[in-house]
PDB file of N, CA and C in Angstrom:
ATOM      1  N   MET A   1     116.177 -26.446  36.124  1.00  0.00           N
ATOM      2  CA  MET A   1     116.217 -24.994  36.162  1.00  0.00           C
ATOM      3  C   MET A   1     114.913 -24.451  36.732  1.00  0.00           C
ATOM      4  N   ALA A   2     115.046 -23.413  37.482  1.00  0.00           N
ATOM      5  CA  ALA A   2     113.886 -22.733  38.054  1.00  0.00           C
ATOM      6  C   ALA A   2     113.665 -21.411  37.322  1.00  0.00           C
ATOM      7  N   VAL A   3     112.427 -20.992  37.276  1.00  0.00           N
ATOM      8  CA  VAL A   3     112.064 -19.737  36.623  1.00  0.00           C
ATOM      9  C   VAL A   3     111.726 -18.713  37.687  1.00  0.00           C
ATOM     10  N   THR A   4     112.160 -17.483  37.473  1.00  0.00           N
ATOM     11  CA  THR A   4     111.768 -16.382  38.343  1.00  0.00           C
ATOM     12  C   THR A   4     111.162 -15.273  37.486  1.00  0.00           C
ATOM     13  N   TYR A   5     110.146 -14.641  38.029  1.00  0.00           N
ATOM     14  CA  TYR A   5     109.424 -13.589  37.307  1.00  0.00           C
ATOM     15  C   TYR A   5     109.706 -12.212  37.899  1.00  0.00           C
ATOM     16  N   LYS A   6     110.824 -12.052  38.592  1.00  0.00           N
ATOM     17  CA  LYS A   6     111.163 -10.766  39.207  1.00  0.00           C
ATOM     18  C   LYS A   6     111.202  -9.650  38.167  1.00  0.00           C
ATOM     19  N   LYS A   7     111.702  -9.974  36.995  1.00  0.00           N
ATOM     20  CA  LYS A   7     111.779  -8.970  35.932  1.00  0.00           C
ATOM     21  C   LYS A   7     110.398  -8.429  35.577  1.00  0.00           C
ATOM     22  N   LEU A   8     109.388  -9.285  35.618  1.00  0.00           N
ATOM     23  CA  LEU A   8     108.028  -8.854  35.310  1.00  0.00           C
ATOM     24  C   LEU A   8     107.580  -7.786  36.295  1.00  0.00           C
ATOM     25  N   PHE A   9     107.800  -8.008  37.571  1.00  0.00           N
ATOM     26  CA  PHE A   9     107.349  -7.046  38.570  1.00  0.00           C
ATOM     27  C   PHE A   9     108.108  -5.725  38.465  1.00  0.00           C
ATOM     28  N   HIS A  10     109.388  -5.782  38.094  1.00  0.00           N
ATOM     29  CA  HIS A  10     110.139  -4.549  37.855  1.00  0.00           C
ATOM     30  C   HIS A  10     109.582  -3.809  36.640  1.00  0.00           C
ATOM     31  N   LEU A  11     109.223  -4.558  35.609  1.00  0.00           N
ATOM     32  CA  LEU A  11     108.652  -3.956  34.403  1.00  0.00           C
ATOM     33  C   LEU A  11     107.304  -3.306  34.703  1.00  0.00           C
ATOM     34  N   LEU A  12     106.485  -3.968  35.499  1.00  0.00           N
ATOM     35  CA  LEU A  12     105.193  -3.385  35.878  1.00  0.00           C
ATOM     36  C   LEU A  12     105.391  -2.066  36.624  1.00  0.00           C
ATOM     37  N   ILE A  13     106.353  -2.022  37.515  1.00  0.00           N
ATOM     38  CA  ILE A  13     106.646  -0.786  38.245  1.00  0.00           C
ATOM     39  C   ILE A  13     107.078   0.303  37.266  1.00  0.00           C
ATOM     40  N   ASP A  14     107.979  -0.049  36.346  1.00  0.00           N
ATOM     41  CA  ASP A  14     108.456   0.925  35.355  1.00  0.00           C
ATOM     42  C   ASP A  14     107.320   1.478  34.508  1.00  0.00           C
ATOM     43  N   LYS A  15     106.334   0.633  34.211  1.00  0.00           N
ATOM     44  CA  LYS A  15     105.209   1.049  33.375  1.00  0.00           C
ATOM     45  C   LYS A  15     104.064   1.647  34.197  1.00  0.00           C
ATOM     46  N   GLY A  16     104.200   1.637  35.519  1.00  0.00           N
ATOM     47  CA  GLY A  16     103.157   2.177  36.384  1.00  0.00           C
ATOM     48  C   GLY A  16     101.870   1.369  36.329  1.00  0.00           C
ATOM     49  N   MET A  17     102.007   0.058  36.186  1.00  0.00           N
ATOM     50  CA  MET A  17     100.848  -0.826  36.063  1.00  0.00           C
ATOM     51  C   MET A  17     100.751  -1.738  37.279  1.00  0.00           C
ATOM     52  N   THR A  18      99.543  -1.947  37.757  1.00  0.00           N
ATOM     53  CA  THR A  18      99.325  -2.844  38.891  1.00  0.00           C
ATOM     54  C   THR A  18      99.088  -4.270  38.397  1.00  0.00           C
ATOM     55  N   ASN A  19      99.156  -5.210  39.326  1.00  0.00           N
ATOM     56  CA  ASN A  19      98.844  -6.603  38.995  1.00  0.00           C
ATOM     57  C   ASN A  19      97.416  -6.716  38.479  1.00  0.00           C
ATOM     58  N   ALA A  20      96.499  -5.991  39.111  1.00  0.00           N
ATOM     59  CA  ALA A  20      95.089  -6.038  38.703  1.00  0.00           C
ATOM     60  C   ALA A  20      94.906  -5.511  37.282  1.00  0.00           C
ATOM     61  N   GLU A  21      95.620  -4.455  36.939  1.00  0.00           N
ATOM     62  CA  GLU A  21      95.533  -3.913  35.575  1.00  0.00           C
ATOM     63  C   GLU A  21      96.086  -4.910  34.563  1.00  0.00           C
ATOM     64  N   LEU A  22      97.182  -5.564  34.915  1.00  0.00           N
ATOM     65  CA  LEU A  22      97.747  -6.580  34.027  1.00  0.00           C
ATOM     66  C   LEU A  22      96.754  -7.714  33.820  1.00  0.00           C
ATOM     67  N   MET A  23      96.138  -8.173  34.898  1.00  0.00           N
ATOM     68  CA  MET A  23      95.146  -9.260  34.788  1.00  0.00           C
ATOM     69  C   MET A  23      94.020  -8.857  33.849  1.00  0.00           C
ATOM     70  N   GLU A  24      93.507  -7.653  34.027  1.00  0.00           N
ATOM     71  CA  GLU A  24      92.382  -7.195  33.217  1.00  0.00           C
ATOM     72  C   GLU A  24      92.775  -7.057  31.748  1.00  0.00           C
ATOM     73  N   LYS A  25      93.906  -6.417  31.492  1.00  0.00           N
ATOM     74  CA  LYS A  25      94.326  -6.174  30.107  1.00  0.00           C
ATOM     75  C   LYS A  25      94.758  -7.452  29.398  1.00  0.00           C
ATOM     76  N   ALA A  26      95.394  -8.368  30.138  1.00  0.00           N
ATOM     77  CA  ALA A  26      95.866  -9.618  29.534  1.00  0.00           C
ATOM     78  C   ALA A  26      94.768 -10.670  29.486  1.00  0.00           C
ATOM     79  N   GLY A  27      93.747 -10.499  30.316  1.00  0.00           N
ATOM     80  CA  GLY A  27      92.613 -11.417  30.288  1.00  0.00           C
ATOM     81  C   GLY A  27      92.850 -12.741  30.989  1.00  0.00           C
ATOM     82  N   PHE A  28      93.505 -12.702  32.143  1.00  0.00           N
ATOM     83  CA  PHE A  28      93.642 -13.931  32.915  1.00  0.00           C
ATOM     84  C   PHE A  28      93.248 -13.706  34.363  1.00  0.00           C
ATOM     85  N   SER A  29      93.199 -14.781  35.137  1.00  0.00           N
ATOM     86  CA  SER A  29      92.669 -14.742  36.502  1.00  0.00           C
ATOM     87  C   SER A  29      93.744 -14.384  37.530  1.00  0.00           C
ATOM     88  N   ALA A  30      93.278 -14.111  38.733  1.00  0.00           N
ATOM     89  CA  ALA A  30      94.175 -13.819  39.851  1.00  0.00           C
ATOM     90  C   ALA A  30      95.073 -15.017  40.156  1.00  0.00           C
ATOM     91  N   ASN A  31      94.621 -16.211  39.823  1.00  0.00           N
ATOM     92  CA  ASN A  31      95.411 -17.421  40.033  1.00  0.00           C
ATOM     93  C   ASN A  31      96.751 -17.332  39.302  1.00  0.00           C
ATOM     94  N   ILE A  32      96.754 -16.759  38.119  1.00  0.00           N
ATOM     95  CA  ILE A  32      98.001 -16.638  37.350  1.00  0.00           C
ATOM     96  C   ILE A  32      98.968 -15.709  38.084  1.00  0.00           C
ATOM     97  N   ILE A  33      98.470 -14.584  38.588  1.00  0.00           N
ATOM     98  CA  ILE A  33      99.332 -13.661  39.335  1.00  0.00           C
ATOM     99  C   ILE A  33      99.897 -14.350  40.578  1.00  0.00           C
ATOM    100  N   THR A  34      99.082 -15.116  41.260  1.00  0.00           N
ATOM    101  CA  THR A  34      99.548 -15.853  42.440  1.00  0.00           C
ATOM    102  C   THR A  34     100.650 -16.823  42.058  1.00  0.00           C
ATOM    103  N   ARG A  35     100.465 -17.541  40.962  1.00  0.00           N
ATOM    104  CA  ARG A  35     101.483 -18.494  40.504  1.00  0.00           C
ATOM    105  C   ARG A  35     102.783 -17.767  40.151  1.00  0.00           C
ATOM    106  N   ILE A  36     102.656 -16.601  39.520  1.00  0.00           N
ATOM    107  CA  ILE A  36     103.838 -15.819  39.155  1.00  0.00           C
ATOM    108  C   ILE A  36     104.565 -15.347  40.413  1.00  0.00           C
ATOM    109  N   LYS A  37     103.834 -14.847  41.385  1.00  0.00           N
ATOM    110  CA  LYS A  37     104.447 -14.367  42.629  1.00  0.00           C
ATOM    111  C   LYS A  37     105.217 -15.472  43.340  1.00  0.00           C
ATOM    112  N   ARG A  38     104.759 -16.700  43.194  1.00  0.00           N
ATOM    113  CA  ARG A  38     105.410 -17.851  43.836  1.00  0.00           C
ATOM    114  C   ARG A  38     106.456 -18.504  42.935  1.00  0.00           C
ATOM    115  N   ASP A  39     106.711 -17.896  41.777  1.00  0.00           N
ATOM    116  CA  ASP A  39     107.643 -18.449  40.784  1.00  0.00           C
ATOM    117  C   ASP A  39     107.252 -19.861  40.372  1.00  0.00           C
ATOM    118  N   ASN A  40     105.954 -20.101  40.273  1.00  0.00           N
ATOM    119  CA  ASN A  40     105.434 -21.382  39.809  1.00  0.00           C
ATOM    120  C   ASN A  40     105.252 -21.358  38.294  1.00  0.00           C
ATOM    121  N   TYR A  41     105.029 -22.527  37.737  1.00  0.00           N
ATOM    122  CA  TYR A  41     104.808 -22.673  36.303  1.00  0.00           C
ATOM    123  C   TYR A  41     103.549 -21.921  35.869  1.00  0.00           C
ATOM    124  N   ILE A  42     103.650 -21.200  34.752  1.00  0.00           N
ATOM    125  CA  ILE A  42     102.467 -20.691  34.059  1.00  0.00           C
ATOM    126  C   ILE A  42     102.609 -21.103  32.601  1.00  0.00           C
ATOM    127  N   SER A  43     101.503 -21.198  31.917  1.00  0.00           N
ATOM    128  CA  SER A  43     101.515 -21.689  30.542  1.00  0.00           C
ATOM    129  C   SER A  43     102.165 -20.688  29.592  1.00  0.00           C
ATOM    130  N   LEU A  44     102.612 -21.198  28.463  1.00  0.00           N
ATOM    131  CA  LEU A  44     103.155 -20.327  27.425  1.00  0.00           C
ATOM    132  C   LEU A  44     102.095 -19.361  26.921  1.00  0.00           C
ATOM    133  N   ASP A  45     100.849 -19.792  26.937  1.00  0.00           N
ATOM    134  CA  ASP A  45      99.749 -18.920  26.535  1.00  0.00           C
ATOM    135  C   ASP A  45      99.680 -17.699  27.455  1.00  0.00           C
ATOM    136  N   SER A  46      99.818 -17.916  28.743  1.00  0.00           N
ATOM    137  CA  SER A  46      99.805 -16.802  29.702  1.00  0.00           C
ATOM    138  C   SER A  46     101.014 -15.896  29.502  1.00  0.00           C
ATOM    139  N   ILE A  47     102.169 -16.484  29.265  1.00  0.00           N
ATOM    140  CA  ILE A  47     103.379 -15.698  29.012  1.00  0.00           C
ATOM    141  C   ILE A  47     103.195 -14.854  27.754  1.00  0.00           C
ATOM    142  N   GLU A  48     102.615 -15.446  26.724  1.00  0.00           N
ATOM    143  CA  GLU A  48     102.360 -14.709  25.486  1.00  0.00           C
ATOM    144  C   GLU A  48     101.414 -13.532  25.736  1.00  0.00           C
ATOM    145  N   LYS A  49     100.362 -13.750  26.506  1.00  0.00           N
ATOM    146  CA  LYS A  49      99.408 -12.676  26.819  1.00  0.00           C
ATOM    147  C   LYS A  49     100.098 -11.531  27.557  1.00  0.00           C
ATOM    148  N   ILE A  50     100.966 -11.878  28.496  1.00  0.00           N
ATOM    149  CA  ILE A  50     101.692 -10.853  29.245  1.00  0.00           C
ATOM    150  C   ILE A  50     102.585 -10.050  28.304  1.00  0.00           C
ATOM    151  N   CYS A  51     103.331 -10.748  27.460  1.00  0.00           N
ATOM    152  CA  CYS A  51     104.245 -10.073  26.537  1.00  0.00           C
ATOM    153  C   CYS A  51     103.496  -9.170  25.558  1.00  0.00           C
ATOM    154  N   LYS A  52     102.379  -9.647  25.037  1.00  0.00           N
ATOM    155  CA  LYS A  52     101.590  -8.817  24.123  1.00  0.00           C
ATOM    156  C   LYS A  52     101.031  -7.599  24.841  1.00  0.00           C
ATOM    157  N   THR A  53     100.566  -7.784  26.057  1.00  0.00           N
ATOM    158  CA  THR A  53      99.992  -6.681  26.829  1.00  0.00           C
ATOM    159  C   THR A  53     101.043  -5.627  27.151  1.00  0.00           C
ATOM    160  N   LEU A  54     102.236  -6.066  27.504  1.00  0.00           N
ATOM    161  CA  LEU A  54     103.302  -5.147  27.909  1.00  0.00           C
ATOM    162  C   LEU A  54     104.213  -4.745  26.752  1.00  0.00           C
ATOM    163  N   HIS A  55     103.963  -5.304  25.562  1.00  0.00           N
ATOM    164  CA  HIS A  55     104.786  -5.018  24.375  1.00  0.00           C
ATOM    165  C   HIS A  55     106.263  -5.281  24.677  1.00  0.00           C
ATOM    166  N   CYS A  56     106.528  -6.504  25.113  1.00  0.00           N
ATOM    167  CA  CYS A  56     107.888  -6.867  25.483  1.00  0.00           C
ATOM    168  C   CYS A  56     108.173  -8.303  25.060  1.00  0.00           C
ATOM    169  N   GLY A  57     109.397  -8.729  25.262  1.00  0.00           N
ATOM    170  CA  GLY A  57     109.791 -10.094  24.969  1.00  0.00           C
ATOM    171  C   GLY A  57     109.818 -10.949  26.225  1.00  0.00           C
ATOM    172  N   VAL A  58     109.914 -12.238  26.031  1.00  0.00           N
ATOM    173  CA  VAL A  58     109.936 -13.181  27.151  1.00  0.00           C
ATOM    174  C   VAL A  58     111.095 -12.871  28.098  1.00  0.00           C
ATOM    175  N   ASP A  59     112.247 -12.528  27.545  1.00  0.00           N
ATOM    176  CA  ASP A  59     113.408 -12.251  28.391  1.00  0.00           C
ATOM    177  C   ASP A  59     113.250 -10.982  29.223  1.00  0.00           C
ATOM    178  N   ASP A  60     112.226 -10.183  28.931  1.00  0.00           N
ATOM    179  CA  ASP A  60     111.942  -8.990  29.725  1.00  0.00           C
ATOM    180  C   ASP A  60     111.114  -9.298  30.971  1.00  0.00           C
ATOM    181  N   ILE A  61     110.510 -10.488  31.029  1.00  0.00           N
ATOM    182  CA  ILE A  61     109.619 -10.796  32.153  1.00  0.00           C
ATOM    183  C   ILE A  61     110.048 -11.990  32.995  1.00  0.00           C
ATOM    184  N   LEU A  62     110.931 -12.829  32.475  1.00  0.00           N
ATOM    185  CA  LEU A  62     111.358 -13.983  33.263  1.00  0.00           C
ATOM    186  C   LEU A  62     112.803 -14.308  32.997  1.00  0.00           C
ATOM    187  N   GLU A  63     113.371 -15.051  33.919  1.00  0.00           N
ATOM    188  CA  GLU A  63     114.726 -15.558  33.726  1.00  0.00           C
ATOM    189  C   GLU A  63     114.848 -16.919  34.391  1.00  0.00           C
ATOM    190  N   PHE A  64     115.801 -17.672  33.908  1.00  0.00           N
ATOM    191  CA  PHE A  64     116.037 -19.010  34.429  1.00  0.00           C
ATOM    192  C   PHE A  64     117.200 -18.979  35.403  1.00  0.00           C
ATOM    193  N   ASN A  65     117.044 -19.682  36.502  1.00  0.00           N
ATOM    194  CA  ASN A  65     118.113 -19.871  37.482  1.00  0.00           C
ATOM    195  C   ASN A  65     118.415 -21.351  37.553  1.00  0.00           C
ATOM    196  N   SER A  66     119.692 -21.667  37.711  1.00  0.00           N
ATOM    197  CA  SER A  66     120.017 -23.078  37.892  1.00  0.00           C
ATOM    198  C   SER A  66     119.513 -23.512  39.258  1.00  0.00           C
ATOM    199  N   ILE A  67     119.308 -24.780  39.439  1.00  0.00           N
ATOM    200  CA  ILE A  67     118.795 -25.316  40.701  1.00  0.00           C
ATOM    201  C   ILE A  67     119.719 -24.938  41.851  1.00  0.00           C
ATOM    202  N   GLY A  68     121.015 -24.984  41.647  1.00  0.00           N
ATOM    203  CA  GLY A  68     121.973 -24.627  42.691  1.00  0.00           C
ATOM    204  C   GLY A  68     121.791 -23.202  43.170  1.00  0.00           C
ATOM    205  N   GLU A  69     121.568 -22.270  42.239  1.00  0.00           N
ATOM    206  CA  GLU A  69     121.338 -20.876  42.603  1.00  0.00           C
ATOM    207  C   GLU A  69     120.062 -20.749  43.412  1.00  0.00           C
ATOM    208  N   GLU A  70     119.036 -21.477  43.026  1.00  0.00           N
ATOM    209  CA  GLU A  70     117.751 -21.418  43.721  1.00  0.00           C
ATOM    210  C   GLU A  70     117.893 -21.949  45.145  1.00  0.00           C
ATOM    211  N   GLU A  71     118.638 -23.039  45.312  1.00  0.00           N
ATOM    212  CA  GLU A  71     118.820 -23.617  46.639  1.00  0.00           C
ATOM    213  C   GLU A  71     119.614 -22.682  47.539  1.00  0.00           C
ATOM    214  N   GLU A  72     120.604 -21.960  46.976  1.00  0.00           N
ATOM    215  CA  GLU A  72     121.400 -21.028  47.760  1.00  0.00           C
ATOM    216  C   GLU A  72     120.539 -19.908  48.316  1.00  0.00           C
ATOM    217  N   LYS A  73     119.539 -19.467  47.571  1.00  0.00           N
ATOM    218  CA  LYS A  73     118.659 -18.388  48.002  1.00  0.00           C
ATOM    219  C   LYS A  73     117.848 -18.789  49.225  1.00  0.00           C
ATOM    220  N   HIS A  74     117.516 -20.069  49.326  1.00  0.00           N
ATOM    221  CA  HIS A  74     116.664 -20.547  50.409  1.00  0.00           C
ATOM    222  C   HIS A  74     117.451 -20.924  51.658  1.00  0.00           C
ATOM    223  N   ASP A  75     118.766 -20.957  51.579  1.00  0.00           N
ATOM    224  CA  ASP A  75     119.595 -21.316  52.747  1.00  0.00           C
ATOM    225  C   ASP A  75     119.716 -20.168  53.712  1.00  0.00           C
TER     226      ASP A  75
END
């Protein structure tokens, strides 16, 4: 299964928050934002920081896609 963080970026828009503001408030580096933008792995600690900062649940910031769905997107 692949993870996508599209929901996070929609939530940031809804809250009027930039990536830089999220980094500052959550206390992590630009590397984490880069990893999120690329739908790469981030630690549970980082996910927890994001959820606490945005006062939301994990399902509000990420979702799982099956590998088949992910491959279809790239075709």
